[in-house]
N, C-alpha and C. Protein backbone atom coordinates (compact mmCIF):
# COMPACT_ATOMS: atom_id res chain seq x y z
N UNK A 1 0.11 -1.35 8.19
CA UNK A 1 -0.08 0.01 7.68
C UNK A 1 0.22 0.42 6.07
N UNK A 2 1.10 -0.66 5.66
CA UNK A 2 1.38 -0.71 4.12
C UNK A 2 -0.05 -1.11 3.42
N UNK A 3 -0.51 -2.18 4.02
CA UNK A 3 -1.83 -2.62 3.39
C UNK A 3 -2.84 -1.54 3.29
N UNK A 4 -3.07 -0.61 4.42
CA UNK A 4 -3.97 0.33 4.37
C UNK A 4 -3.57 1.51 3.38
N UNK A 5 -2.31 1.86 3.09
CA UNK A 5 -1.70 2.66 2.19
C UNK A 5 -2.14 2.21 0.86
N UNK A 6 -1.84 0.93 0.63
CA UNK A 6 -2.24 0.22 -0.70
C UNK A 6 -3.53 0.54 -1.00
N UNK A 7 -4.45 0.27 -0.08
CA UNK A 7 -6.03 0.37 -0.32
C UNK A 7 -6.28 1.71 -0.62
N UNK A 8 -5.74 2.62 0.08
CA UNK A 8 -6.01 3.99 -0.27
C UNK A 8 -5.45 4.29 -1.75
N UNK A 9 -4.22 4.22 -2.08
CA UNK A 9 -3.89 4.13 -3.49
C UNK A 9 -4.49 3.54 -4.50
N UNK A 10 -5.17 2.28 -4.28
CA UNK A 10 -5.86 1.75 -5.38
C UNK A 10 -7.41 2.52 -5.36
N UNK A 11 -8.00 2.83 -4.19
CA UNK A 11 -9.29 3.69 -4.17
C UNK A 11 -9.02 5.09 -5.07
N UNK A 12 -7.86 5.62 -4.89
CA UNK A 12 -7.60 6.87 -5.57
C UNK A 12 -7.43 6.70 -6.99
N UNK A 13 -6.70 5.54 -7.45
CA UNK A 13 -6.78 5.23 -8.84
C UNK A 13 -7.88 4.77 -9.43
N UNK A 14 -8.82 4.23 -8.81
CA UNK A 14 -10.05 3.74 -9.11
C UNK A 14 -11.03 4.96 -9.59
N UNK A 15 -11.04 5.96 -8.52
CA UNK A 15 -11.87 7.16 -8.68
C UNK A 15 -11.27 8.06 -9.82
N UNK A 16 -10.01 7.92 -9.89
CA UNK A 16 -9.59 8.97 -11.14
C UNK A 16 -9.79 8.12 -12.44
N UNK A 17 -10.03 6.97 -12.39
CA UNK A 17 -10.08 6.16 -13.67
C UNK A 17 -11.70 6.22 -14.09
N UNK A 18 -12.53 6.39 -12.74
CA UNK A 18 -13.89 6.48 -13.19
C UNK A 18 -14.31 7.81 -13.42
N UNK A 19 -13.58 8.64 -13.13
CA UNK A 19 -14.07 10.10 -13.18
C UNK A 19 -13.19 10.49 -14.55
N UNK A 20 -12.29 9.92 -15.05
CA UNK A 20 -11.39 10.35 -16.19
C UNK A 20 -10.49 11.51 -16.10
N UNK A 21 -9.99 11.67 -15.23
CA UNK A 21 -9.08 12.71 -15.00
C UNK A 21 -7.85 12.10 -14.34
N UNK A 22 -6.60 13.18 -14.44
CA UNK A 22 -5.39 12.81 -13.95
C UNK A 22 -4.82 13.89 -13.37
N UNK A 23 -3.84 13.93 -12.55
CA UNK A 23 -3.14 14.77 -11.68
C UNK A 23 -1.91 15.45 -12.72
N UNK A 24 -1.96 15.55 -13.75
CA UNK A 24 -0.77 15.87 -14.61
C UNK A 24 -0.32 14.87 -15.30
N UNK A 25 0.92 14.73 -15.89
CA UNK A 25 1.43 13.80 -16.64
C UNK A 25 2.43 12.81 -15.55
N UNK A 26 2.59 13.38 -14.43
CA UNK A 26 3.55 12.50 -13.59
C UNK A 26 2.65 11.55 -12.69
N UNK A 27 1.36 11.81 -12.14
CA UNK A 27 0.78 10.97 -11.25
C UNK A 27 -0.63 10.50 -12.07
N UNK A 28 -0.57 9.56 -12.63
CA UNK A 28 -1.47 8.95 -13.45
C UNK A 28 -2.32 7.45 -12.45
N UNK A 29 -3.20 6.99 -13.15
CA UNK A 29 -3.83 5.83 -12.43
C UNK A 29 -2.80 4.74 -12.40
N UNK A 30 -1.98 4.56 -13.51
CA UNK A 30 -1.05 3.55 -13.59
C UNK A 30 0.10 3.52 -12.61
N UNK A 31 0.30 5.20 -12.28
CA UNK A 31 1.28 5.18 -11.16
C UNK A 31 0.87 4.98 -9.94
N UNK A 32 -0.30 5.21 -9.60
CA UNK A 32 -1.14 4.85 -8.40
C UNK A 32 -1.15 3.43 -7.99
N UNK A 33 -1.54 2.79 -9.32
CA UNK A 33 -1.71 1.29 -9.26
C UNK A 33 -0.46 0.54 -8.92
N UNK A 34 0.59 1.08 -9.45
CA UNK A 34 1.98 0.62 -9.48
C UNK A 34 2.67 0.81 -7.83
N UNK A 35 2.19 2.04 -7.40
CA UNK A 35 2.56 2.11 -6.10
C UNK A 35 1.64 1.59 -4.96
N UNK A 36 0.17 1.02 -5.43
CA UNK A 36 -0.34 0.36 -4.40
C UNK A 36 0.33 -1.20 -4.43
N UNK A 37 0.79 -1.59 -5.73
CA UNK A 37 1.09 -3.03 -5.70
C UNK A 37 2.29 -2.96 -5.02
N UNK A 38 3.40 -2.06 -5.08
CA UNK A 38 4.59 -2.04 -4.05
C UNK A 38 4.06 -2.20 -2.73
N UNK A 39 3.31 -1.26 -2.26
CA UNK A 39 2.95 -1.36 -0.69
C UNK A 39 2.43 -2.76 -0.58
N UNK A 40 1.51 -3.52 -1.30
CA UNK A 40 1.10 -4.74 -0.87
C UNK A 40 2.19 -5.79 -1.04
N UNK A 41 3.14 -5.72 -1.87
CA UNK A 41 4.38 -6.75 -1.97
C UNK A 41 5.13 -6.28 -0.71
N UNK A 42 5.47 -5.21 -0.25
CA UNK A 42 6.23 -4.94 0.83
C UNK A 42 5.48 -5.35 2.07
N UNK A 43 4.04 -5.18 2.28
CA UNK A 43 3.41 -5.80 3.35
C UNK A 43 3.56 -7.17 3.39
N UNK A 44 3.43 -8.05 2.33
CA UNK A 44 3.51 -9.36 2.40
C UNK A 44 4.86 -10.01 2.59
N UNK A 45 5.70 -9.10 2.28
CA UNK A 45 7.17 -9.36 2.63
C UNK A 45 7.66 -9.26 3.92
N UNK A 46 6.83 -8.55 4.74
CA UNK A 46 6.91 -8.37 6.21
C UNK A 46 7.62 -6.97 6.58
N UNK A 47 7.71 -6.14 5.84
CA UNK A 47 8.45 -4.90 5.79
C UNK A 47 7.60 -4.16 6.94
N UNK A 48 8.02 -3.53 7.74
CA UNK A 48 7.20 -2.64 8.57
C UNK A 48 6.38 -3.16 9.38
N UNK A 49 6.32 -4.40 9.63
CA UNK A 49 5.45 -5.21 10.49
C UNK A 49 5.90 -5.21 12.04
N UNK A 50 5.10 -5.25 12.87
CA UNK A 50 5.36 -5.31 14.31
C UNK A 50 5.68 -6.68 14.86
N UNK A 51 6.88 -6.99 14.79
CA UNK A 51 6.93 -8.46 15.26
C UNK A 51 7.22 -8.52 16.78
N UNK A 52 7.20 -7.46 17.67
CA UNK A 52 7.39 -7.49 19.02
C UNK A 52 6.05 -8.22 19.60
N UNK A 53 4.84 -8.28 19.07
CA UNK A 53 3.83 -8.88 19.43
C UNK A 53 4.00 -10.49 19.68
N UNK A 54 4.70 -10.82 18.75
CA UNK A 54 4.67 -12.34 18.51
C UNK A 54 5.88 -12.91 18.96
N UNK A 55 6.69 -12.16 19.58
CA UNK A 55 8.01 -12.64 20.22
C UNK A 55 7.75 -13.41 21.42
N UNK A 56 8.47 -14.35 21.86
CA UNK A 56 8.49 -15.11 22.96
C UNK A 56 9.25 -14.65 24.06
N UNK A 57 8.64 -14.39 25.23
CA UNK A 57 9.42 -14.29 26.27
C UNK A 57 10.04 -15.47 27.09
N UNK A 58 11.16 -15.04 27.83
CA UNK A 58 11.96 -16.17 28.36
C UNK A 58 11.09 -16.27 29.71
N UNK A 59 11.01 -17.38 30.09
CA UNK A 59 10.32 -17.84 31.25
C UNK A 59 11.45 -18.24 32.37
N UNK A 60 11.16 -17.85 33.56
CA UNK A 60 12.34 -18.01 34.52
C UNK A 60 11.98 -19.38 35.33
């Protein structure tokens, strides 16, 4: 989920950079890029991943 969010943020940053506009002084392409990198880092660290799929069940 975080990887998808990062891709969306990077896409928005790219569109804003190509179009040459920003959403005020708070949300810039640098802000979106930093947020995207944060989401990628969290995804690679394993935050918010579903580990129940890979858990082993005890056999009787």
